[in-house]
PDB file of all heavy atoms in Angstrom:
ATOM      1  N   MET A   1     141.051 116.618 -36.958  1.00  0.00           N
ATOM      2  CA  MET A   1     142.098 115.598 -36.833  1.00  0.00           C
ATOM      3  C   MET A   1     143.144 115.712 -37.887  1.00  0.00           C
ATOM      4  O   MET A   1     144.244 115.179 -37.739  1.00  0.00           O
ATOM      5  CB  MET A   1     141.438 114.254 -36.828  1.00  0.00           C
ATOM      6  CG  MET A   1     140.368 113.984 -35.710  1.00  0.00           C
ATOM      7  SD  MET A   1     141.157 114.190 -34.097  1.00  0.00           S
ATOM      8  CE  MET A   1     142.279 112.728 -34.063  1.00  0.00           C
ATOM      9  N   TRP A   2     142.825 116.398 -38.957  1.00  0.00           N
ATOM     10  CA  TRP A   2     143.869 116.556 -40.046  1.00  0.00           C
ATOM     11  C   TRP A   2     145.111 117.348 -39.532  1.00  0.00           C
ATOM     12  O   TRP A   2     146.203 116.876 -39.750  1.00  0.00           O
ATOM     13  CB  TRP A   2     143.289 117.258 -41.237  1.00  0.00           C
ATOM     14  CG  TRP A   2     141.921 116.717 -41.694  1.00  0.00           C
ATOM     15  CD1 TRP A   2     140.671 117.194 -41.380  1.00  0.00           C
ATOM     16  CD2 TRP A   2     141.769 115.588 -42.490  1.00  0.00           C
ATOM     17  NE1 TRP A   2     139.784 116.365 -42.026  1.00  0.00           N
ATOM     18  CE2 TRP A   2     140.382 115.395 -42.714  1.00  0.00           C
ATOM     19  CE3 TRP A   2     142.686 114.735 -43.208  1.00  0.00           C
ATOM     20  CZ2 TRP A   2     139.879 114.401 -43.476  1.00  0.00           C
ATOM     21  CZ3 TRP A   2     142.227 113.700 -43.925  1.00  0.00           C
ATOM     22  CH2 TRP A   2     140.807 113.469 -44.105  1.00  0.00           C
ATOM     23  N   ASP A   3     144.795 118.366 -38.792  1.00  0.00           N
ATOM     24  CA  ASP A   3     145.945 119.164 -38.212  1.00  0.00           C
ATOM     25  C   ASP A   3     146.617 118.374 -37.093  1.00  0.00           C
ATOM     26  O   ASP A   3     147.866 118.460 -36.870  1.00  0.00           O
ATOM     27  CB  ASP A   3     145.456 120.534 -37.700  1.00  0.00           C
ATOM     28  CG  ASP A   3     145.259 121.478 -38.895  1.00  0.00           C
ATOM     29  OD1 ASP A   3     145.589 121.147 -39.990  1.00  0.00           O
ATOM     30  OD2 ASP A   3     144.568 122.531 -38.605  1.00  0.00           O
ATOM     31  N   PHE A   4     145.806 117.627 -36.309  1.00  0.00           N
ATOM     32  CA  PHE A   4     146.339 116.915 -35.203  1.00  0.00           C
ATOM     33  C   PHE A   4     147.424 115.878 -35.641  1.00  0.00           C
ATOM     34  O   PHE A   4     148.483 115.838 -35.019  1.00  0.00           O
ATOM     35  CB  PHE A   4     145.282 116.236 -34.405  1.00  0.00           C
ATOM     36  CG  PHE A   4     145.739 115.266 -33.346  1.00  0.00           C
ATOM     37  CD1 PHE A   4     146.265 115.770 -32.131  1.00  0.00           C
ATOM     38  CD2 PHE A   4     145.769 113.891 -33.564  1.00  0.00           C
ATOM     39  CE1 PHE A   4     146.765 114.903 -31.166  1.00  0.00           C
ATOM     40  CE2 PHE A   4     146.214 113.019 -32.620  1.00  0.00           C
ATOM     41  CZ  PHE A   4     146.739 113.523 -31.479  1.00  0.00           C
ATOM     42  N   VAL A   5     147.100 115.160 -36.697  1.00  0.00           N
ATOM     43  CA  VAL A   5     148.092 114.040 -37.099  1.00  0.00           C
ATOM     44  C   VAL A   5     149.273 114.723 -37.685  1.00  0.00           C
ATOM     45  O   VAL A   5     150.400 114.191 -37.587  1.00  0.00           O
ATOM     46  CB  VAL A   5     147.411 113.077 -38.120  1.00  0.00           C
ATOM     47  CG1 VAL A   5     146.359 112.225 -37.358  1.00  0.00           C
ATOM     48  CG2 VAL A   5     146.780 113.838 -39.319  1.00  0.00           C
ATOM     49  N   GLN A   6     149.164 115.814 -38.359  1.00  0.00           N
ATOM     50  CA  GLN A   6     150.323 116.533 -38.915  1.00  0.00           C
ATOM     51  C   GLN A   6     151.213 117.062 -37.749  1.00  0.00           C
ATOM     52  O   GLN A   6     152.475 117.013 -37.843  1.00  0.00           O
ATOM     53  CB  GLN A   6     149.904 117.710 -39.810  1.00  0.00           C
ATOM     54  CG  GLN A   6     149.183 117.269 -41.086  1.00  0.00           C
ATOM     55  CD  GLN A   6     150.038 116.335 -41.884  1.00  0.00           C
ATOM     56  OE1 GLN A   6     151.291 116.502 -42.059  1.00  0.00           O
ATOM     57  NE2 GLN A   6     149.418 115.300 -42.496  1.00  0.00           N
ATOM     58  N   GLU A   7     150.618 117.500 -36.665  1.00  0.00           N
ATOM     59  CA  GLU A   7     151.367 117.964 -35.512  1.00  0.00           C
ATOM     60  C   GLU A   7     152.133 116.760 -34.953  1.00  0.00           C
ATOM     61  O   GLU A   7     153.317 116.903 -34.567  1.00  0.00           O
ATOM     62  CB  GLU A   7     150.433 118.495 -34.493  1.00  0.00           C
ATOM     63  CG  GLU A   7     151.107 118.953 -33.171  1.00  0.00           C
ATOM     64  CD  GLU A   7     150.113 119.296 -32.085  1.00  0.00           C
ATOM     65  OE1 GLU A   7     148.936 119.475 -32.394  1.00  0.00           O
ATOM     66  OE2 GLU A   7     150.502 119.340 -30.883  1.00  0.00           O
ATOM     67  N   LYS A   8     151.507 115.593 -34.784  1.00  0.00           N
ATOM     68  CA  LYS A   8     152.148 114.378 -34.210  1.00  0.00           C
ATOM     69  C   LYS A   8     153.274 113.915 -35.233  1.00  0.00           C
ATOM     70  O   LYS A   8     154.302 113.381 -34.719  1.00  0.00           O
ATOM     71  CB  LYS A   8     151.167 113.355 -33.964  1.00  0.00           C
ATOM     72  CG  LYS A   8     150.161 113.638 -32.918  1.00  0.00           C
ATOM     73  CD  LYS A   8     150.808 114.019 -31.660  1.00  0.00           C
ATOM     74  CE  LYS A   8     149.929 114.542 -30.639  1.00  0.00           C
ATOM     75  NZ  LYS A   8     150.665 114.946 -29.378  1.00  0.00           N
ATOM     76  N   LYS A   9     153.132 114.161 -36.468  1.00  0.00           N
ATOM     77  CA  LYS A   9     154.164 113.815 -37.459  1.00  0.00           C
ATOM     78  C   LYS A   9     155.419 114.718 -37.217  1.00  0.00           C
ATOM     79  O   LYS A   9     156.542 114.263 -37.215  1.00  0.00           O
ATOM     80  CB  LYS A   9     153.629 113.901 -38.864  1.00  0.00           C
ATOM     81  CG  LYS A   9     154.650 113.501 -39.920  1.00  0.00           C
ATOM     82  CD  LYS A   9     154.138 113.576 -41.305  1.00  0.00           C
ATOM     83  CE  LYS A   9     155.194 113.217 -42.341  1.00  0.00           C
ATOM     84  NZ  LYS A   9     154.772 113.373 -43.698  1.00  0.00           N
ATOM     85  N   ARG A  10     155.172 115.986 -37.034  1.00  0.00           N
ATOM     86  CA  ARG A  10     156.233 116.925 -36.762  1.00  0.00           C
ATOM     87  C   ARG A  10     157.010 116.589 -35.502  1.00  0.00           C
ATOM     88  O   ARG A  10     158.201 116.749 -35.375  1.00  0.00           O
ATOM     89  CB  ARG A  10     155.705 118.380 -36.729  1.00  0.00           C
ATOM     90  CG  ARG A  10     155.303 118.902 -38.100  1.00  0.00           C
ATOM     91  CD  ARG A  10     155.018 120.386 -37.998  1.00  0.00           C
ATOM     92  NE  ARG A  10     153.928 120.728 -37.172  1.00  0.00           N
ATOM     93  CZ  ARG A  10     152.684 120.802 -37.668  1.00  0.00           C
ATOM     94  NH1 ARG A  10     152.452 120.594 -38.933  1.00  0.00           N
ATOM     95  NH2 ARG A  10     151.726 121.113 -36.797  1.00  0.00           N
ATOM     96  N   GLN A  11     156.270 115.960 -34.552  1.00  0.00           N
ATOM     97  CA  GLN A  11     156.846 115.574 -33.268  1.00  0.00           C
ATOM     98  C   GLN A  11     157.558 114.325 -33.352  1.00  0.00           C
ATOM     99  O   GLN A  11     158.191 113.868 -32.347  1.00  0.00           O
ATOM    100  CB  GLN A  11     155.751 115.557 -32.208  1.00  0.00           C
ATOM    101  CG  GLN A  11     155.195 116.912 -31.840  1.00  0.00           C
ATOM    102  CD  GLN A  11     153.977 116.784 -30.901  1.00  0.00           C
ATOM    103  OE1 GLN A  11     153.630 115.615 -30.463  1.00  0.00           O
ATOM    104  NE2 GLN A  11     153.340 117.922 -30.580  1.00  0.00           N
ATOM    105  N   GLY A  12     157.421 113.652 -34.487  1.00  0.00           N
ATOM    106  CA  GLY A  12     158.160 112.312 -34.646  1.00  0.00           C
ATOM    107  C   GLY A  12     157.435 111.181 -34.052  1.00  0.00           C
ATOM    108  O   GLY A  12     157.903 110.018 -34.067  1.00  0.00           O
ATOM    109  N   LEU A  13     156.116 111.355 -33.739  1.00  0.00           N
ATOM    110  CA  LEU A  13     155.292 110.299 -33.188  1.00  0.00           C
ATOM    111  C   LEU A  13     154.602 109.508 -34.236  1.00  0.00           C
ATOM    112  O   LEU A  13     154.012 108.447 -34.016  1.00  0.00           O
ATOM    113  CB  LEU A  13     154.285 110.828 -32.173  1.00  0.00           C
ATOM    114  CG  LEU A  13     154.943 111.610 -30.982  1.00  0.00           C
ATOM    115  CD1 LEU A  13     153.868 112.183 -30.095  1.00  0.00           C
ATOM    116  CD2 LEU A  13     155.834 110.653 -30.209  1.00  0.00           C
ATOM    117  N   ILE A  14     154.535 110.076 -35.423  1.00  0.00           N
ATOM    118  CA  ILE A  14     153.962 109.424 -36.601  1.00  0.00           C
ATOM    119  C   ILE A  14     154.942 109.560 -37.789  1.00  0.00           C
ATOM    120  O   ILE A  14     155.369 110.698 -38.003  1.00  0.00           O
ATOM    121  CB  ILE A  14     152.539 110.028 -36.974  1.00  0.00           C
ATOM    122  CG1 ILE A  14     151.517 109.795 -35.860  1.00  0.00           C
ATOM    123  CG2 ILE A  14     152.101 109.435 -38.298  1.00  0.00           C
ATOM    124  CD1 ILE A  14     150.225 110.512 -36.201  1.00  0.00           C
ATOM    125  N   ARG A  15     155.197 108.505 -38.521  1.00  0.00           N
ATOM    126  CA  ARG A  15     156.108 108.600 -39.644  1.00  0.00           C
ATOM    127  C   ARG A  15     155.291 108.916 -40.947  1.00  0.00           C
ATOM    128  O   ARG A  15     155.690 109.770 -41.666  1.00  0.00           O
ATOM    129  CB  ARG A  15     156.864 107.293 -39.846  1.00  0.00           C
ATOM    130  CG  ARG A  15     157.777 106.985 -38.612  1.00  0.00           C
ATOM    131  CD  ARG A  15     159.044 107.878 -38.643  1.00  0.00           C
ATOM    132  NE  ARG A  15     159.816 107.731 -37.459  1.00  0.00           N
ATOM    133  CZ  ARG A  15     160.792 106.808 -37.319  1.00  0.00           C
ATOM    134  NH1 ARG A  15     161.025 105.967 -38.365  1.00  0.00           N
ATOM    135  NH2 ARG A  15     161.506 106.668 -36.249  1.00  0.00           N
ATOM    136  N   HIS A  16     154.167 108.171 -41.109  1.00  0.00           N
ATOM    137  CA  HIS A  16     153.379 108.398 -42.368  1.00  0.00           C
ATOM    138  C   HIS A  16     151.914 108.482 -41.990  1.00  0.00           C
ATOM    139  O   HIS A  16     151.411 107.632 -41.181  1.00  0.00           O
ATOM    140  CB  HIS A  16     153.565 107.249 -43.319  1.00  0.00           C
ATOM    141  CG  HIS A  16     155.001 107.099 -43.746  1.00  0.00           C
ATOM    142  ND1 HIS A  16     155.681 107.990 -44.571  1.00  0.00           N
ATOM    143  CD2 HIS A  16     155.931 106.158 -43.431  1.00  0.00           C
ATOM    144  CE1 HIS A  16     156.931 107.627 -44.775  1.00  0.00           C
ATOM    145  NE2 HIS A  16     157.135 106.510 -44.093  1.00  0.00           N
ATOM    146  N   VAL A  17     151.160 109.462 -42.543  1.00  0.00           N
ATOM    147  CA  VAL A  17     149.792 109.698 -42.233  1.00  0.00           C
ATOM    148  C   VAL A  17     148.999 109.359 -43.486  1.00  0.00           C
ATOM    149  O   VAL A  17     149.283 109.818 -44.606  1.00  0.00           O
ATOM    150  CB  VAL A  17     149.540 111.091 -41.796  1.00  0.00           C
ATOM    151  CG1 VAL A  17     148.083 111.391 -41.542  1.00  0.00           C
ATOM    152  CG2 VAL A  17     150.351 111.442 -40.557  1.00  0.00           C
ATOM    153  N   GLY A  18     147.843 108.642 -43.263  1.00  0.00           N
ATOM    154  CA  GLY A  18     146.975 108.376 -44.400  1.00  0.00           C
ATOM    155  C   GLY A  18     145.523 108.056 -43.830  1.00  0.00           C
ATOM    156  O   GLY A  18     145.248 108.354 -42.723  1.00  0.00           O
ATOM    157  N   PHE A  19     144.733 107.423 -44.732  1.00  0.00           N
ATOM    158  CA  PHE A  19     143.405 107.043 -44.188  1.00  0.00           C
ATOM    159  C   PHE A  19     142.933 105.810 -44.956  1.00  0.00           C
ATOM    160  O   PHE A  19     143.344 105.455 -46.058  1.00  0.00           O
ATOM    161  CB  PHE A  19     142.439 108.274 -44.351  1.00  0.00           C
ATOM    162  CG  PHE A  19     142.252 108.688 -45.819  1.00  0.00           C
ATOM    163  CD1 PHE A  19     141.219 108.154 -46.602  1.00  0.00           C
ATOM    164  CD2 PHE A  19     143.001 109.688 -46.331  1.00  0.00           C
ATOM    165  CE1 PHE A  19     141.014 108.576 -47.844  1.00  0.00           C
ATOM    166  CE2 PHE A  19     142.849 110.116 -47.694  1.00  0.00           C
ATOM    167  CZ  PHE A  19     141.820 109.606 -48.484  1.00  0.00           C
ATOM    168  N   SER A  20     142.009 105.153 -44.291  1.00  0.00           N
ATOM    169  CA  SER A  20     141.284 104.040 -44.945  1.00  0.00           C
ATOM    170  C   SER A  20     139.971 104.524 -45.403  1.00  0.00           C
ATOM    171  O   SER A  20     139.386 105.514 -44.871  1.00  0.00           O
ATOM    172  CB  SER A  20     141.129 102.844 -44.023  1.00  0.00           C
ATOM    173  OG  SER A  20     140.419 103.202 -42.818  1.00  0.00           O
ATOM    174  N   PHE A  21     139.350 103.838 -46.394  1.00  0.00           N
ATOM    175  CA  PHE A  21     138.241 104.372 -47.140  1.00  0.00           C
ATOM    176  C   PHE A  21     137.337 103.322 -47.629  1.00  0.00           C
ATOM    177  O   PHE A  21     137.770 102.305 -48.216  1.00  0.00           O
ATOM    178  CB  PHE A  21     138.738 105.263 -48.266  1.00  0.00           C
ATOM    179  CG  PHE A  21     137.673 105.977 -49.100  1.00  0.00           C
ATOM    180  CD1 PHE A  21     137.151 107.184 -48.633  1.00  0.00           C
ATOM    181  CD2 PHE A  21     137.210 105.425 -50.306  1.00  0.00           C
ATOM    182  CE1 PHE A  21     136.166 107.775 -49.360  1.00  0.00           C
ATOM    183  CE2 PHE A  21     136.239 106.074 -50.978  1.00  0.00           C
ATOM    184  CZ  PHE A  21     135.766 107.337 -50.583  1.00  0.00           C
ATOM    185  N   HIS A  22     135.992 103.475 -47.415  1.00  0.00           N
ATOM    186  CA  HIS A  22     134.966 102.524 -47.951  1.00  0.00           C
ATOM    187  C   HIS A  22     133.829 103.358 -48.471  1.00  0.00           C
ATOM    188  O   HIS A  22     132.780 103.500 -47.844  1.00  0.00           O
ATOM    189  CB  HIS A  22     134.427 101.613 -46.817  1.00  0.00           C
ATOM    190  CG  HIS A  22     135.400 100.517 -46.381  1.00  0.00           C
ATOM    191  ND1 HIS A  22     135.584  99.365 -47.110  1.00  0.00           N
ATOM    192  CD2 HIS A  22     136.201 100.437 -45.281  1.00  0.00           C
ATOM    193  CE1 HIS A  22     136.405  98.570 -46.471  1.00  0.00           C
ATOM    194  NE2 HIS A  22     136.846  99.200 -45.395  1.00  0.00           N
ATOM    195  N   SER A  23     133.956 104.000 -49.611  1.00  0.00           N
ATOM    196  CA  SER A  23     132.832 104.824 -50.135  1.00  0.00           C
ATOM    197  C   SER A  23     133.096 104.915 -51.658  1.00  0.00           C
ATOM    198  O   SER A  23     133.747 104.110 -52.300  1.00  0.00           O
ATOM    199  CB  SER A  23     132.733 106.103 -49.411  1.00  0.00           C
ATOM    200  OG  SER A  23     131.470 106.700 -49.754  1.00  0.00           O
ATOM    201  N   THR A  24     132.563 105.922 -52.233  1.00  0.00           N
ATOM    202  CA  THR A  24     132.548 106.118 -53.659  1.00  0.00           C
ATOM    203  C   THR A  24     133.808 106.750 -54.165  1.00  0.00           C
ATOM    204  O   THR A  24     134.477 107.610 -53.425  1.00  0.00           O
ATOM    205  CB  THR A  24     131.357 106.964 -54.148  1.00  0.00           C
ATOM    206  OG1 THR A  24     131.560 108.305 -53.593  1.00  0.00           O
ATOM    207  CG2 THR A  24     130.060 106.359 -53.587  1.00  0.00           C
ATOM    208  N   PRO A  25     134.205 106.602 -55.406  1.00  0.00           N
ATOM    209  CA  PRO A  25     135.324 107.289 -55.957  1.00  0.00           C
ATOM    210  C   PRO A  25     135.165 108.751 -56.034  1.00  0.00           C
ATOM    211  O   PRO A  25     136.161 109.552 -55.888  1.00  0.00           O
ATOM    212  CB  PRO A  25     135.458 106.677 -57.433  1.00  0.00           C
ATOM    213  CG  PRO A  25     134.145 106.043 -57.633  1.00  0.00           C
ATOM    214  CD  PRO A  25     133.550 105.632 -56.384  1.00  0.00           C
ATOM    215  N   GLU A  26     133.917 109.249 -56.147  1.00  0.00           N
ATOM    216  CA  GLU A  26     133.662 110.661 -56.156  1.00  0.00           C
ATOM    217  C   GLU A  26     133.984 111.368 -54.791  1.00  0.00           C
ATOM    218  O   GLU A  26     134.591 112.355 -54.708  1.00  0.00           O
ATOM    219  CB  GLU A  26     132.202 110.928 -56.535  1.00  0.00           C
ATOM    220  CG  GLU A  26     131.791 110.621 -57.904  1.00  0.00           C
ATOM    221  CD  GLU A  26     131.566 109.133 -58.128  1.00  0.00           C
ATOM    222  OE1 GLU A  26     131.495 108.343 -57.164  1.00  0.00           O
ATOM    223  OE2 GLU A  26     131.473 108.762 -59.346  1.00  0.00           O
ATOM    224  N   GLU A  27     133.646 110.625 -53.729  1.00  0.00           N
ATOM    225  CA  GLU A  27     133.993 111.104 -52.398  1.00  0.00           C
ATOM    226  C   GLU A  27     135.447 110.970 -52.108  1.00  0.00           C
ATOM    227  O   GLU A  27     136.011 111.952 -51.483  1.00  0.00           O
ATOM    228  CB  GLU A  27     133.188 110.350 -51.379  1.00  0.00           C
ATOM    229  CG  GLU A  27     133.176 111.026 -49.984  1.00  0.00           C
ATOM    230  CD  GLU A  27     132.145 110.413 -49.054  1.00  0.00           C
ATOM    231  OE1 GLU A  27     131.504 109.426 -49.380  1.00  0.00           O
ATOM    232  OE2 GLU A  27     132.097 110.917 -47.895  1.00  0.00           O
ATOM    233  N   LEU A  28     136.129 109.953 -52.652  1.00  0.00           N
ATOM    234  CA  LEU A  28     137.587 109.851 -52.423  1.00  0.00           C
ATOM    235  C   LEU A  28     138.276 111.022 -53.161  1.00  0.00           C
ATOM    236  O   LEU A  28     139.223 111.587 -52.662  1.00  0.00           O
ATOM    237  CB  LEU A  28     138.049 108.550 -53.063  1.00  0.00           C
ATOM    238  CG  LEU A  28     139.571 108.288 -52.938  1.00  0.00           C
ATOM    239  CD1 LEU A  28     140.002 108.293 -51.495  1.00  0.00           C
ATOM    240  CD2 LEU A  28     139.885 106.944 -53.553  1.00  0.00           C
ATOM    241  N   GLU A  29     137.772 111.352 -54.338  1.00  0.00           N
ATOM    242  CA  GLU A  29     138.302 112.488 -55.130  1.00  0.00           C
ATOM    243  C   GLU A  29     138.237 113.772 -54.276  1.00  0.00           C
ATOM    244  O   GLU A  29     139.202 114.554 -54.176  1.00  0.00           O
ATOM    245  CB  GLU A  29     137.570 112.695 -56.360  1.00  0.00           C
ATOM    246  CG  GLU A  29     137.969 113.848 -57.257  1.00  0.00           C
ATOM    247  CD  GLU A  29     139.360 113.684 -57.922  1.00  0.00           C
ATOM    248  OE1 GLU A  29     139.619 112.526 -58.420  1.00  0.00           O
ATOM    249  OE2 GLU A  29     140.117 114.602 -57.907  1.00  0.00           O
ATOM    250  N   GLN A  30     137.043 114.004 -53.612  1.00  0.00           N
ATOM    251  CA  GLN A  30     136.888 115.218 -52.793  1.00  0.00           C
ATOM    252  C   GLN A  30     137.880 115.232 -51.619  1.00  0.00           C
ATOM    253  O   GLN A  30     138.487 116.292 -51.300  1.00  0.00           O
ATOM    254  CB  GLN A  30     135.467 115.243 -52.262  1.00  0.00           C
ATOM    255  CG  GLN A  30     134.426 115.466 -53.341  1.00  0.00           C
ATOM    256  CD  GLN A  30     132.963 115.272 -52.801  1.00  0.00           C
ATOM    257  OE1 GLN A  30     132.807 115.021 -51.614  1.00  0.00           O
ATOM    258  NE2 GLN A  30     131.987 115.408 -53.695  1.00  0.00           N
ATOM    259  N   ILE A  31     138.041 114.113 -50.941  1.00  0.00           N
ATOM    260  CA  ILE A  31     138.927 114.096 -49.819  1.00  0.00           C
ATOM    261  C   ILE A  31     140.378 114.294 -50.181  1.00  0.00           C
ATOM    262  O   ILE A  31     141.034 115.089 -49.545  1.00  0.00           O
ATOM    263  CB  ILE A  31     138.788 112.800 -49.015  1.00  0.00           C
ATOM    264  CG1 ILE A  31     137.352 112.565 -48.487  1.00  0.00           C
ATOM    265  CG2 ILE A  31     139.776 112.602 -47.912  1.00  0.00           C
ATOM    266  CD1 ILE A  31     137.014 111.262 -47.844  1.00  0.00           C
ATOM    267  N   LEU A  32     140.783 113.650 -51.225  1.00  0.00           N
ATOM    268  CA  LEU A  32     142.171 113.826 -51.619  1.00  0.00           C
ATOM    269  C   LEU A  32     142.494 115.201 -52.110  1.00  0.00           C
ATOM    270  O   LEU A  32     143.577 115.732 -51.949  1.00  0.00           O
ATOM    271  CB  LEU A  32     142.548 112.692 -52.666  1.00  0.00           C
ATOM    272  CG  LEU A  32     142.712 111.302 -52.102  1.00  0.00           C
ATOM    273  CD1 LEU A  32     142.968 110.306 -53.218  1.00  0.00           C
ATOM    274  CD2 LEU A  32     143.843 111.261 -51.099  1.00  0.00           C
ATOM    275  N   SER A  33     141.502 115.828 -52.767  1.00  0.00           N
ATOM    276  CA  SER A  33     141.664 117.241 -53.352  1.00  0.00           C
ATOM    277  C   SER A  33     141.744 118.141 -52.083  1.00  0.00           C
ATOM    278  O   SER A  33     142.513 119.136 -52.147  1.00  0.00           O
ATOM    279  CB  SER A  33     140.557 117.570 -54.218  1.00  0.00           C
ATOM    280  OG  SER A  33     140.523 116.719 -55.380  1.00  0.00           O
ATOM    281  N   ALA A  34     140.984 117.881 -51.056  1.00  0.00           N
ATOM    282  CA  ALA A  34     140.943 118.765 -49.897  1.00  0.00           C
ATOM    283  C   ALA A  34     142.095 118.502 -48.972  1.00  0.00           C
ATOM    284  O   ALA A  34     142.579 119.447 -48.234  1.00  0.00           O
ATOM    285  CB  ALA A  34     139.632 118.548 -49.114  1.00  0.00           C
TER     286      ALA A  34
END
């Protein structure tokens, strides 16, 4: 889904892409680094 939302952004169907999160700071670090 990471590539999918970027594709939709290039198409102008999404202006800003992000995510919501309910877990540990260590896991958040991993996701943002990736």
